[in-house]
Amino acid sequence: MSSPFRPLSSSKLWNFLLNIAILPWIALIFQVVFVLFLLTFGSFLLWSSPRLFWELPPGLPTGSVITEMRMWLLAFGFVYALVWCGYWRLAAALNSGDRIPAFTVHVLAAWLPLLVIIYWANPVNNPDAMIPISQGEITFKLALAMITAALFPFYSAAVYILLVIRPGSRICKGMKLLGIWALFATASLWLFPVFWRLAPEIYPGIAGFPVQ
């Protein structure tokens, strides 16, 4: 007579539960910690350009200002893309067969904090802050957050499919990685003016931040 507890002792069952209900939490926690670090460290870096976000004309900035903003966008995007590329490849290397079982669940778990930020963000100016944040800076940060949320699942899928499932030679992997980064850098630059104009419509509190 078979034991009723035999299904619970199945290694396949425990591996399934591990990949569905436990390991995705690691991706979620990593996303939260990394975003908080990038936000804090990025804010310190942006203080090196103190006048970049002040006295901006209505609408999208022009000239050298928009060029510098795009450079910051690409710099933050490169760091974010590099770290997550390493995360997915490491997660695959730690599993048998260099695969991530239930990869979609992992991506959704890591994507959730970004969606929470976008949905529950409520920027409100604090006039008593020691270092005031300008309307331009908060708009820039929210635009970057929306770009990240929009592209993250597609970027993760591209890295997993092209670099993990079909890696190829070292040169081929390098070319694929450069191609992925170029594609998503172009998409980020294209989305930046869209979300810059959209941010004040989604978050009315932006209007309360100082402009000069």
N, C-alpha and C. Protein backbone atom coordinates (compact mmCIF):
# COMPACT_ATOMS: atom_id res chain seq x y z
N MET A 1 0.85 -1.20 0.00
CA MET A 1 0.00 0.00 0.00
C MET A 1 0.88 1.25 0.00
N SER A 2 0.60 2.13 -0.91
CA SER A 2 1.42 3.34 -1.01
C SER A 2 1.10 4.31 0.10
N SER A 3 2.12 5.02 0.53
CA SER A 3 1.94 5.99 1.59
C SER A 3 1.29 7.26 1.06
N PRO A 4 0.34 7.83 1.83
CA PRO A 4 -0.29 9.08 1.36
C PRO A 4 0.67 10.25 1.36
N PHE A 5 1.83 10.09 2.03
CA PHE A 5 2.80 11.19 2.11
C PHE A 5 3.88 11.08 1.04
N ARG A 6 3.78 10.01 0.20
CA ARG A 6 4.81 9.84 -0.83
C ARG A 6 4.87 11.01 -1.80
N PRO A 7 3.73 11.59 -2.24
CA PRO A 7 3.84 12.76 -3.14
C PRO A 7 4.58 13.92 -2.52
N LEU A 8 4.50 14.05 -1.16
CA LEU A 8 5.17 15.18 -0.51
C LEU A 8 6.67 14.99 -0.48
N SER A 9 7.13 13.74 -0.61
CA SER A 9 8.56 13.48 -0.57
C SER A 9 9.20 13.54 -1.95
N SER A 10 8.42 13.81 -2.95
CA SER A 10 8.93 13.85 -4.31
C SER A 10 9.84 15.06 -4.49
N SER A 11 11.05 14.79 -5.01
CA SER A 11 11.99 15.90 -5.25
C SER A 11 11.47 16.84 -6.33
N LYS A 12 10.74 16.30 -7.30
CA LYS A 12 10.19 17.13 -8.36
C LYS A 12 9.17 18.12 -7.79
N LEU A 13 8.38 17.63 -6.82
CA LEU A 13 7.38 18.52 -6.21
C LEU A 13 8.06 19.65 -5.46
N TRP A 14 9.10 19.31 -4.68
CA TRP A 14 9.78 20.34 -3.90
C TRP A 14 10.53 21.31 -4.81
N ASN A 15 11.11 20.80 -5.89
CA ASN A 15 11.77 21.70 -6.84
C ASN A 15 10.77 22.63 -7.50
N PHE A 16 9.59 22.10 -7.79
CA PHE A 16 8.53 22.92 -8.38
C PHE A 16 8.12 24.04 -7.41
N LEU A 17 7.90 23.68 -6.15
CA LEU A 17 7.51 24.68 -5.16
C LEU A 17 8.64 25.69 -4.93
N LEU A 18 9.88 25.19 -4.96
CA LEU A 18 11.01 26.08 -4.76
C LEU A 18 11.07 27.15 -5.85
N ASN A 19 10.87 26.74 -7.09
CA ASN A 19 10.98 27.67 -8.21
C ASN A 19 9.75 28.54 -8.40
N ILE A 20 8.62 28.10 -7.90
CA ILE A 20 7.39 28.87 -8.05
C ILE A 20 7.13 29.79 -6.87
N ALA A 21 7.39 29.33 -5.66
CA ALA A 21 6.94 30.06 -4.47
C ALA A 21 8.07 30.63 -3.62
N ILE A 22 9.32 30.21 -3.84
CA ILE A 22 10.39 30.65 -2.94
C ILE A 22 11.44 31.49 -3.67
N LEU A 23 12.05 30.92 -4.70
CA LEU A 23 13.13 31.63 -5.40
C LEU A 23 12.69 32.96 -6.03
N PRO A 24 11.46 33.08 -6.55
CA PRO A 24 11.06 34.40 -7.08
C PRO A 24 11.14 35.52 -6.05
N TRP A 25 11.01 35.16 -4.76
CA TRP A 25 11.13 36.19 -3.72
C TRP A 25 12.53 36.79 -3.70
N ILE A 26 13.52 35.99 -4.06
CA ILE A 26 14.88 36.51 -4.11
C ILE A 26 14.99 37.59 -5.18
N ALA A 27 14.38 37.34 -6.35
CA ALA A 27 14.39 38.34 -7.42
C ALA A 27 13.66 39.60 -6.97
N LEU A 28 12.55 39.43 -6.27
CA LEU A 28 11.78 40.59 -5.80
C LEU A 28 12.60 41.41 -4.80
N ILE A 29 13.20 40.73 -3.82
CA ILE A 29 13.99 41.43 -2.81
C ILE A 29 15.21 42.10 -3.45
N PHE A 30 15.84 41.42 -4.38
CA PHE A 30 16.99 42.01 -5.07
C PHE A 30 16.58 43.28 -5.81
N GLN A 31 15.43 43.25 -6.46
CA GLN A 31 14.96 44.42 -7.18
C GLN A 31 14.75 45.60 -6.23
N VAL A 32 14.13 45.35 -5.09
CA VAL A 32 13.87 46.41 -4.12
C VAL A 32 15.17 47.01 -3.62
N VAL A 33 16.10 46.15 -3.21
CA VAL A 33 17.38 46.64 -2.67
C VAL A 33 18.17 47.40 -3.73
N PHE A 34 18.21 46.86 -4.94
CA PHE A 34 18.99 47.49 -6.00
C PHE A 34 18.40 48.83 -6.41
N VAL A 35 17.07 48.91 -6.52
CA VAL A 35 16.43 50.17 -6.90
C VAL A 35 16.67 51.23 -5.82
N LEU A 36 16.56 50.85 -4.55
CA LEU A 36 16.81 51.80 -3.47
C LEU A 36 18.25 52.29 -3.51
N PHE A 37 19.18 51.38 -3.75
CA PHE A 37 20.59 51.78 -3.85
C PHE A 37 20.81 52.71 -5.03
N LEU A 38 20.25 52.36 -6.18
CA LEU A 38 20.44 53.17 -7.38
C LEU A 38 19.80 54.54 -7.21
N LEU A 39 18.64 54.60 -6.55
CA LEU A 39 17.98 55.88 -6.32
C LEU A 39 18.81 56.76 -5.40
N THR A 40 19.32 56.18 -4.32
CA THR A 40 20.12 56.95 -3.37
C THR A 40 21.43 57.41 -3.98
N PHE A 41 22.15 56.46 -4.59
CA PHE A 41 23.43 56.78 -5.19
C PHE A 41 23.26 57.73 -6.37
N GLY A 42 22.19 57.50 -7.16
CA GLY A 42 21.93 58.37 -8.30
C GLY A 42 21.62 59.80 -7.88
N SER A 43 20.89 59.95 -6.77
CA SER A 43 20.58 61.30 -6.29
C SER A 43 21.84 62.05 -5.92
N PHE A 44 22.80 61.36 -5.28
CA PHE A 44 24.07 62.00 -4.96
C PHE A 44 24.81 62.42 -6.23
N LEU A 45 24.78 61.56 -7.24
CA LEU A 45 25.45 61.89 -8.49
C LEU A 45 24.81 63.08 -9.19
N LEU A 46 23.49 63.15 -9.14
CA LEU A 46 22.79 64.26 -9.81
C LEU A 46 23.10 65.60 -9.15
N TRP A 47 23.49 65.57 -7.90
CA TRP A 47 23.85 66.84 -7.24
C TRP A 47 25.12 67.43 -7.85
N SER A 48 25.85 66.65 -8.63
CA SER A 48 27.03 67.19 -9.31
C SER A 48 26.65 68.08 -10.49
N SER A 49 25.36 68.05 -10.85
CA SER A 49 24.84 68.95 -11.89
C SER A 49 23.73 69.80 -11.27
N PRO A 50 24.08 70.71 -10.37
CA PRO A 50 23.06 71.40 -9.56
C PRO A 50 22.05 72.22 -10.34
N ARG A 51 22.44 72.76 -11.49
CA ARG A 51 21.51 73.61 -12.23
C ARG A 51 20.84 72.89 -13.39
N LEU A 52 21.06 71.61 -13.53
CA LEU A 52 20.53 70.89 -14.67
C LEU A 52 19.01 70.89 -14.70
N PHE A 53 18.38 70.76 -13.53
CA PHE A 53 16.93 70.58 -13.47
C PHE A 53 16.19 71.85 -13.03
N TRP A 54 16.89 72.96 -12.93
CA TRP A 54 16.24 74.20 -12.49
C TRP A 54 16.00 75.13 -13.66
N GLU A 55 14.96 75.96 -13.51
CA GLU A 55 14.61 76.99 -14.50
C GLU A 55 14.43 76.39 -15.89
N LEU A 56 13.72 75.28 -15.95
CA LEU A 56 13.47 74.63 -17.23
C LEU A 56 12.24 75.24 -17.88
N PRO A 57 12.23 75.36 -19.19
CA PRO A 57 11.03 75.86 -19.88
C PRO A 57 9.93 74.81 -19.82
N PRO A 58 8.68 75.22 -20.03
CA PRO A 58 7.58 74.24 -20.06
C PRO A 58 7.81 73.21 -21.16
N GLY A 59 7.37 72.00 -20.90
CA GLY A 59 7.56 70.95 -21.89
C GLY A 59 8.93 70.32 -21.79
N LEU A 60 9.34 69.66 -22.85
CA LEU A 60 10.61 68.95 -22.85
C LEU A 60 11.77 69.93 -23.00
N PRO A 61 12.82 69.78 -22.17
CA PRO A 61 14.00 70.66 -22.30
C PRO A 61 14.64 70.51 -23.68
N THR A 62 15.44 71.48 -24.03
CA THR A 62 16.10 71.47 -25.34
C THR A 62 17.59 71.73 -25.17
N GLY A 63 18.31 71.66 -26.28
CA GLY A 63 19.72 72.02 -26.31
C GLY A 63 20.59 71.12 -25.46
N SER A 64 21.58 71.74 -24.80
CA SER A 64 22.55 70.98 -24.00
C SER A 64 21.91 70.33 -22.78
N VAL A 65 20.79 70.91 -22.31
CA VAL A 65 20.12 70.35 -21.13
C VAL A 65 19.57 68.97 -21.44
N ILE A 66 18.85 68.83 -22.55
CA ILE A 66 18.28 67.53 -22.90
C ILE A 66 19.39 66.54 -23.23
N THR A 67 20.49 67.02 -23.80
CA THR A 67 21.62 66.14 -24.10
C THR A 67 22.22 65.56 -22.82
N GLU A 68 22.40 66.42 -21.80
CA GLU A 68 22.95 65.94 -20.54
C GLU A 68 21.99 64.99 -19.84
N MET A 69 20.70 65.28 -19.91
CA MET A 69 19.73 64.37 -19.31
C MET A 69 19.78 63.00 -19.97
N ARG A 70 19.90 62.99 -21.29
CA ARG A 70 19.99 61.72 -22.00
C ARG A 70 21.25 60.96 -21.60
N MET A 71 22.33 61.67 -21.36
CA MET A 71 23.56 61.01 -20.93
C MET A 71 23.38 60.37 -19.56
N TRP A 72 22.71 61.08 -18.64
CA TRP A 72 22.42 60.50 -17.32
C TRP A 72 21.50 59.30 -17.47
N LEU A 73 20.50 59.41 -18.33
CA LEU A 73 19.56 58.30 -18.55
C LEU A 73 20.32 57.06 -19.02
N LEU A 74 21.21 57.22 -20.00
CA LEU A 74 21.96 56.09 -20.53
C LEU A 74 22.93 55.53 -19.48
N ALA A 75 23.51 56.40 -18.67
CA ALA A 75 24.44 55.94 -17.63
C ALA A 75 23.71 55.08 -16.60
N PHE A 76 22.56 55.58 -16.09
CA PHE A 76 21.80 54.80 -15.12
C PHE A 76 21.27 53.52 -15.76
N GLY A 77 20.82 53.64 -17.00
CA GLY A 77 20.30 52.47 -17.70
C GLY A 77 21.35 51.41 -17.92
N PHE A 78 22.58 51.82 -18.22
CA PHE A 78 23.66 50.86 -18.43
C PHE A 78 23.95 50.08 -17.14
N VAL A 79 24.04 50.79 -16.02
CA VAL A 79 24.30 50.12 -14.74
C VAL A 79 23.17 49.15 -14.42
N TYR A 80 21.94 49.60 -14.60
CA TYR A 80 20.78 48.75 -14.30
C TYR A 80 20.78 47.51 -15.20
N ALA A 81 21.00 47.71 -16.49
CA ALA A 81 20.99 46.60 -17.44
C ALA A 81 22.13 45.63 -17.16
N LEU A 82 23.32 46.14 -16.84
CA LEU A 82 24.47 45.28 -16.56
C LEU A 82 24.22 44.40 -15.34
N VAL A 83 23.69 44.99 -14.29
CA VAL A 83 23.44 44.23 -13.06
C VAL A 83 22.40 43.14 -13.29
N TRP A 84 21.31 43.47 -13.97
CA TRP A 84 20.26 42.47 -14.18
C TRP A 84 20.68 41.41 -15.18
N CYS A 85 21.53 41.75 -16.12
CA CYS A 85 22.08 40.74 -17.01
C CYS A 85 22.90 39.74 -16.19
N GLY A 86 23.72 40.26 -15.29
CA GLY A 86 24.50 39.38 -14.43
C GLY A 86 23.62 38.54 -13.51
N TYR A 87 22.54 39.14 -13.02
CA TYR A 87 21.64 38.40 -12.11
C TYR A 87 21.01 37.21 -12.82
N TRP A 88 20.46 37.43 -14.02
CA TRP A 88 19.79 36.33 -14.73
C TRP A 88 20.78 35.25 -15.14
N ARG A 89 21.96 35.62 -15.54
CA ARG A 89 22.94 34.62 -15.94
C ARG A 89 23.46 33.84 -14.73
N LEU A 90 23.62 34.51 -13.61
CA LEU A 90 24.03 33.82 -12.39
C LEU A 90 22.94 32.88 -11.90
N ALA A 91 21.69 33.34 -11.93
CA ALA A 91 20.58 32.49 -11.50
C ALA A 91 20.48 31.25 -12.36
N ALA A 92 20.74 31.39 -13.66
CA ALA A 92 20.71 30.23 -14.55
C ALA A 92 21.87 29.29 -14.26
N ALA A 93 23.06 29.86 -14.00
CA ALA A 93 24.24 29.03 -13.75
C ALA A 93 24.10 28.21 -12.47
N LEU A 94 23.32 28.71 -11.51
CA LEU A 94 23.15 28.00 -10.24
C LEU A 94 22.13 26.87 -10.34
N ASN A 95 21.41 26.79 -11.47
CA ASN A 95 20.45 25.72 -11.68
C ASN A 95 21.03 24.68 -12.63
N SER A 96 20.54 23.48 -12.51
CA SER A 96 21.01 22.42 -13.39
C SER A 96 20.55 22.70 -14.82
N GLY A 97 21.46 22.46 -15.76
CA GLY A 97 21.12 22.69 -17.16
C GLY A 97 21.21 24.13 -17.58
N ASP A 98 21.76 25.01 -16.72
CA ASP A 98 21.87 26.44 -17.05
C ASP A 98 20.54 27.02 -17.51
N ARG A 99 19.51 26.72 -16.78
CA ARG A 99 18.18 27.25 -17.06
C ARG A 99 17.58 27.78 -15.77
N ILE A 100 16.56 28.63 -15.91
CA ILE A 100 15.82 29.12 -14.75
C ILE A 100 14.41 28.58 -14.84
N PRO A 101 14.08 27.52 -14.08
CA PRO A 101 12.71 27.00 -14.11
C PRO A 101 11.72 28.09 -13.69
N ALA A 102 10.58 28.12 -14.34
CA ALA A 102 9.55 29.12 -14.05
C ALA A 102 10.12 30.53 -14.19
N PHE A 103 10.88 30.76 -15.25
CA PHE A 103 11.51 32.07 -15.45
C PHE A 103 10.48 33.20 -15.47
N THR A 104 9.33 32.95 -16.07
CA THR A 104 8.29 33.99 -16.13
C THR A 104 7.86 34.44 -14.75
N VAL A 105 7.77 33.49 -13.81
CA VAL A 105 7.39 33.84 -12.44
C VAL A 105 8.46 34.70 -11.79
N HIS A 106 9.72 34.39 -12.05
CA HIS A 106 10.82 35.20 -11.52
C HIS A 106 10.75 36.64 -12.06
N VAL A 107 10.49 36.76 -13.35
CA VAL A 107 10.41 38.09 -13.96
C VAL A 107 9.24 38.88 -13.37
N LEU A 108 8.10 38.23 -13.23
CA LEU A 108 6.93 38.91 -12.68
C LEU A 108 7.19 39.36 -11.24
N ALA A 109 7.89 38.52 -10.47
CA ALA A 109 8.20 38.89 -9.08
C ALA A 109 9.13 40.09 -9.04
N ALA A 110 10.14 40.11 -9.92
CA ALA A 110 11.07 41.24 -9.95
C ALA A 110 10.42 42.49 -10.53
N TRP A 111 9.43 42.31 -11.38
CA TRP A 111 8.73 43.44 -12.01
C TRP A 111 7.77 44.12 -11.03
N LEU A 112 7.26 43.35 -10.08
CA LEU A 112 6.24 43.87 -9.16
C LEU A 112 6.67 45.13 -8.42
N PRO A 113 7.88 45.21 -7.85
CA PRO A 113 8.26 46.46 -7.16
C PRO A 113 8.24 47.68 -8.07
N LEU A 114 8.60 47.50 -9.35
CA LEU A 114 8.56 48.62 -10.28
C LEU A 114 7.14 49.10 -10.51
N LEU A 115 6.22 48.15 -10.63
CA LEU A 115 4.81 48.52 -10.80
C LEU A 115 4.26 49.20 -9.56
N VAL A 116 4.68 48.73 -8.39
CA VAL A 116 4.24 49.35 -7.13
C VAL A 116 4.72 50.80 -7.06
N ILE A 117 5.97 51.03 -7.46
CA ILE A 117 6.50 52.40 -7.44
C ILE A 117 5.68 53.30 -8.35
N ILE A 118 5.38 52.83 -9.55
CA ILE A 118 4.63 53.63 -10.52
C ILE A 118 3.22 53.89 -10.02
N TYR A 119 2.58 52.87 -9.44
CA TYR A 119 1.18 53.00 -9.07
C TYR A 119 1.01 53.84 -7.80
N TRP A 120 1.87 53.64 -6.82
CA TRP A 120 1.68 54.30 -5.54
C TRP A 120 2.55 55.54 -5.34
N ALA A 121 3.33 55.89 -6.33
CA ALA A 121 4.14 57.10 -6.18
C ALA A 121 3.23 58.32 -5.97
N ASN A 122 3.61 59.14 -5.02
CA ASN A 122 2.82 60.34 -4.70
C ASN A 122 3.77 61.48 -4.37
N PRO A 123 4.44 62.04 -5.38
CA PRO A 123 5.43 63.09 -5.11
C PRO A 123 4.79 64.35 -4.55
N VAL A 124 5.28 64.77 -3.40
CA VAL A 124 4.80 65.99 -2.75
C VAL A 124 6.00 66.80 -2.32
N ASN A 125 6.03 68.05 -2.63
CA ASN A 125 7.15 68.91 -2.28
C ASN A 125 7.22 69.14 -0.77
N ASN A 126 8.43 69.10 -0.25
CA ASN A 126 8.67 69.42 1.16
C ASN A 126 9.45 70.72 1.23
N PRO A 127 8.80 71.83 1.52
CA PRO A 127 9.50 73.12 1.51
C PRO A 127 10.56 73.24 2.60
N ASP A 128 10.52 72.36 3.61
CA ASP A 128 11.49 72.43 4.70
C ASP A 128 12.69 71.52 4.47
N ALA A 129 12.77 70.88 3.32
CA ALA A 129 13.88 69.97 3.05
C ALA A 129 15.20 70.73 2.99
N MET A 130 16.26 70.12 3.53
CA MET A 130 17.57 70.77 3.52
C MET A 130 18.08 70.95 2.10
N ILE A 131 17.82 69.97 1.25
CA ILE A 131 18.22 70.05 -0.15
C ILE A 131 16.95 69.94 -0.99
N PRO A 132 16.44 71.07 -1.47
CA PRO A 132 15.17 71.03 -2.21
C PRO A 132 15.31 70.27 -3.53
N ILE A 133 14.25 69.60 -3.91
CA ILE A 133 14.20 68.89 -5.19
C ILE A 133 13.38 69.73 -6.16
N SER A 134 13.91 69.93 -7.33
CA SER A 134 13.22 70.77 -8.31
C SER A 134 12.16 69.96 -9.04
N GLN A 135 11.27 70.67 -9.70
CA GLN A 135 10.24 70.04 -10.51
C GLN A 135 10.86 69.21 -11.63
N GLY A 136 11.95 69.71 -12.20
CA GLY A 136 12.62 68.99 -13.27
C GLY A 136 13.23 67.68 -12.79
N GLU A 137 13.82 67.70 -11.60
CA GLU A 137 14.47 66.49 -11.09
C GLU A 137 13.46 65.40 -10.77
N ILE A 138 12.35 65.76 -10.12
CA ILE A 138 11.35 64.74 -9.78
C ILE A 138 10.70 64.20 -11.05
N THR A 139 10.52 65.05 -12.04
CA THR A 139 9.98 64.59 -13.32
C THR A 139 10.94 63.63 -13.99
N PHE A 140 12.23 63.95 -13.94
CA PHE A 140 13.25 63.09 -14.53
C PHE A 140 13.26 61.72 -13.86
N LYS A 141 13.21 61.69 -12.55
CA LYS A 141 13.26 60.42 -11.82
C LYS A 141 12.03 59.57 -12.11
N LEU A 142 10.86 60.19 -12.16
CA LEU A 142 9.64 59.44 -12.43
C LEU A 142 9.62 58.94 -13.88
N ALA A 143 10.14 59.74 -14.79
CA ALA A 143 10.22 59.30 -16.19
C ALA A 143 11.12 58.08 -16.30
N LEU A 144 12.25 58.09 -15.59
CA LEU A 144 13.15 56.94 -15.59
C LEU A 144 12.48 55.71 -14.98
N ALA A 145 11.72 55.93 -13.91
CA ALA A 145 11.02 54.80 -13.28
C ALA A 145 10.01 54.18 -14.23
N MET A 146 9.30 55.01 -14.98
CA MET A 146 8.31 54.49 -15.92
C MET A 146 8.98 53.78 -17.10
N ILE A 147 10.11 54.31 -17.57
CA ILE A 147 10.84 53.65 -18.64
C ILE A 147 11.32 52.27 -18.17
N THR A 148 11.84 52.22 -16.95
CA THR A 148 12.32 50.95 -16.40
C THR A 148 11.20 49.93 -16.30
N ALA A 149 10.06 50.37 -15.78
CA ALA A 149 8.92 49.45 -15.64
C ALA A 149 8.43 48.98 -17.00
N ALA A 150 8.47 49.85 -18.00
CA ALA A 150 7.97 49.49 -19.33
C ALA A 150 8.89 48.49 -20.03
N LEU A 151 10.20 48.59 -19.82
CA LEU A 151 11.14 47.79 -20.58
C LEU A 151 11.68 46.57 -19.84
N PHE A 152 11.56 46.54 -18.52
CA PHE A 152 12.19 45.48 -17.73
C PHE A 152 11.81 44.06 -18.18
N PRO A 153 10.54 43.72 -18.31
CA PRO A 153 10.23 42.32 -18.69
C PRO A 153 10.75 41.96 -20.07
N PHE A 154 10.73 42.89 -21.00
CA PHE A 154 11.22 42.61 -22.35
C PHE A 154 12.75 42.45 -22.36
N TYR A 155 13.43 43.30 -21.57
CA TYR A 155 14.88 43.18 -21.47
C TYR A 155 15.27 41.84 -20.83
N SER A 156 14.58 41.47 -19.77
CA SER A 156 14.88 40.21 -19.09
C SER A 156 14.67 39.03 -20.03
N ALA A 157 13.59 39.06 -20.80
CA ALA A 157 13.32 37.98 -21.75
C ALA A 157 14.39 37.93 -22.83
N ALA A 158 14.83 39.08 -23.31
CA ALA A 158 15.87 39.10 -24.35
C ALA A 158 17.18 38.52 -23.83
N VAL A 159 17.56 38.91 -22.63
CA VAL A 159 18.80 38.38 -22.04
C VAL A 159 18.69 36.88 -21.83
N TYR A 160 17.57 36.42 -21.31
CA TYR A 160 17.41 34.99 -21.02
C TYR A 160 17.40 34.15 -22.30
N ILE A 161 16.66 34.60 -23.29
CA ILE A 161 16.54 33.81 -24.52
C ILE A 161 17.84 33.83 -25.34
N LEU A 162 18.44 35.00 -25.49
CA LEU A 162 19.59 35.14 -26.38
C LEU A 162 20.93 34.82 -25.73
N LEU A 163 21.02 35.02 -24.40
CA LEU A 163 22.31 34.82 -23.74
C LEU A 163 22.35 33.59 -22.85
N VAL A 164 21.20 33.10 -22.42
CA VAL A 164 21.16 31.93 -21.54
C VAL A 164 20.74 30.68 -22.30
N ILE A 165 19.61 30.73 -22.97
CA ILE A 165 19.11 29.56 -23.69
C ILE A 165 19.92 29.31 -24.96
N ARG A 166 20.28 30.40 -25.67
CA ARG A 166 21.03 30.27 -26.92
C ARG A 166 22.30 31.12 -26.84
N PRO A 167 23.24 30.71 -26.02
CA PRO A 167 24.40 31.58 -25.78
C PRO A 167 25.36 31.70 -26.96
N GLY A 168 25.69 30.59 -27.62
CA GLY A 168 26.67 30.65 -28.71
C GLY A 168 28.08 30.82 -28.17
N SER A 169 29.00 31.21 -29.03
CA SER A 169 30.39 31.42 -28.62
C SER A 169 30.52 32.70 -27.81
N ARG A 170 31.72 32.87 -27.23
CA ARG A 170 31.95 34.07 -26.41
C ARG A 170 31.81 35.34 -27.25
N ILE A 171 32.33 35.31 -28.46
CA ILE A 171 32.21 36.48 -29.34
C ILE A 171 30.75 36.71 -29.70
N CYS A 172 30.04 35.62 -29.97
CA CYS A 172 28.62 35.74 -30.31
C CYS A 172 27.83 36.31 -29.15
N LYS A 173 28.14 35.85 -27.92
CA LYS A 173 27.45 36.38 -26.75
C LYS A 173 27.73 37.87 -26.58
N GLY A 174 28.99 38.26 -26.81
CA GLY A 174 29.33 39.67 -26.70
C GLY A 174 28.58 40.52 -27.70
N MET A 175 28.48 40.04 -28.94
CA MET A 175 27.76 40.78 -29.98
C MET A 175 26.27 40.86 -29.65
N LYS A 176 25.71 39.74 -29.15
CA LYS A 176 24.30 39.75 -28.77
C LYS A 176 24.04 40.74 -27.64
N LEU A 177 24.93 40.75 -26.65
CA LEU A 177 24.75 41.65 -25.51
C LEU A 177 24.81 43.11 -25.96
N LEU A 178 25.77 43.43 -26.81
CA LEU A 178 25.87 44.80 -27.33
C LEU A 178 24.62 45.17 -28.13
N GLY A 179 24.12 44.19 -28.91
CA GLY A 179 22.91 44.45 -29.68
C GLY A 179 21.70 44.69 -28.80
N ILE A 180 21.58 43.89 -27.74
CA ILE A 180 20.47 44.08 -26.80
C ILE A 180 20.55 45.45 -26.15
N TRP A 181 21.75 45.82 -25.68
CA TRP A 181 21.90 47.12 -25.02
C TRP A 181 21.61 48.27 -25.99
N ALA A 182 22.08 48.14 -27.22
CA ALA A 182 21.82 49.20 -28.20
C ALA A 182 20.33 49.33 -28.48
N LEU A 183 19.65 48.20 -28.60
CA LEU A 183 18.22 48.23 -28.86
C LEU A 183 17.45 48.89 -27.73
N PHE A 184 17.77 48.51 -26.49
CA PHE A 184 17.01 49.05 -25.36
C PHE A 184 17.45 50.48 -25.01
N ALA A 185 18.68 50.84 -25.34
CA ALA A 185 19.09 52.24 -25.18
C ALA A 185 18.30 53.12 -26.13
N THR A 186 18.13 52.65 -27.36
CA THR A 186 17.33 53.40 -28.34
C THR A 186 15.89 53.52 -27.88
N ALA A 187 15.33 52.41 -27.35
CA ALA A 187 13.96 52.44 -26.86
C ALA A 187 13.82 53.40 -25.69
N SER A 188 14.83 53.44 -24.81
CA SER A 188 14.78 54.36 -23.65
C SER A 188 14.80 55.82 -24.11
N LEU A 189 15.66 56.12 -25.06
CA LEU A 189 15.73 57.49 -25.57
C LEU A 189 14.43 57.90 -26.26
N TRP A 190 13.80 56.94 -26.92
CA TRP A 190 12.53 57.23 -27.59
C TRP A 190 11.41 57.43 -26.58
N LEU A 191 11.41 56.66 -25.50
CA LEU A 191 10.35 56.75 -24.49
C LEU A 191 10.53 57.95 -23.55
N PHE A 192 11.76 58.45 -23.43
CA PHE A 192 12.02 59.52 -22.47
C PHE A 192 11.12 60.74 -22.66
N PRO A 193 11.04 61.34 -23.85
CA PRO A 193 10.15 62.50 -24.00
C PRO A 193 8.68 62.15 -23.78
N VAL A 194 8.30 60.91 -24.10
CA VAL A 194 6.91 60.51 -23.90
C VAL A 194 6.56 60.54 -22.41
N PHE A 195 7.40 59.90 -21.59
CA PHE A 195 7.10 59.83 -20.16
C PHE A 195 7.40 61.15 -19.45
N TRP A 196 8.31 61.96 -20.00
CA TRP A 196 8.56 63.28 -19.42
C TRP A 196 7.28 64.13 -19.48
N ARG A 197 6.60 64.07 -20.62
CA ARG A 197 5.36 64.84 -20.76
C ARG A 197 4.20 64.17 -20.02
N LEU A 198 4.26 62.85 -19.89
CA LEU A 198 3.17 62.12 -19.25
C LEU A 198 3.23 62.20 -17.73
N ALA A 199 4.42 62.32 -17.16
CA ALA A 199 4.57 62.30 -15.70
C ALA A 199 3.73 63.36 -14.99
N PRO A 200 3.74 64.64 -15.42
CA PRO A 200 2.91 65.64 -14.72
C PRO A 200 1.41 65.35 -14.82
N GLU A 201 0.99 64.64 -15.87
CA GLU A 201 -0.42 64.29 -15.99
C GLU A 201 -0.81 63.18 -15.02
N ILE A 202 0.12 62.24 -14.80
CA ILE A 202 -0.16 61.12 -13.91
C ILE A 202 0.01 61.53 -12.45
N TYR A 203 0.99 62.38 -12.17
CA TYR A 203 1.30 62.79 -10.80
C TYR A 203 1.13 64.30 -10.66
N PRO A 204 -0.06 64.77 -10.30
CA PRO A 204 -0.32 66.21 -10.20
C PRO A 204 0.58 66.89 -9.15
N GLY A 205 1.09 66.12 -8.18
CA GLY A 205 1.93 66.70 -7.15
C GLY A 205 3.22 67.31 -7.68
N ILE A 206 3.61 66.93 -8.88
CA ILE A 206 4.82 67.49 -9.49
C ILE A 206 4.71 69.01 -9.61
N ALA A 207 3.51 69.50 -9.84
CA ALA A 207 3.31 70.95 -10.02
C ALA A 207 3.67 71.74 -8.77
N GLY A 208 3.70 71.09 -7.61
CA GLY A 208 4.02 71.79 -6.36
C GLY A 208 5.50 71.93 -6.09
N PHE A 209 6.35 71.32 -6.91
CA PHE A 209 7.78 71.42 -6.70
C PHE A 209 8.32 72.72 -7.29
N PRO A 210 9.35 73.29 -6.68
CA PRO A 210 9.88 74.58 -7.17
C PRO A 210 10.56 74.42 -8.52
N VAL A 211 10.58 75.51 -9.28
CA VAL A 211 11.23 75.51 -10.59
C VAL A 211 12.45 76.41 -10.62
N GLN A 212 12.65 77.21 -9.59
CA GLN A 212 13.82 78.08 -9.54
C GLN A 212 14.19 78.41 -8.11
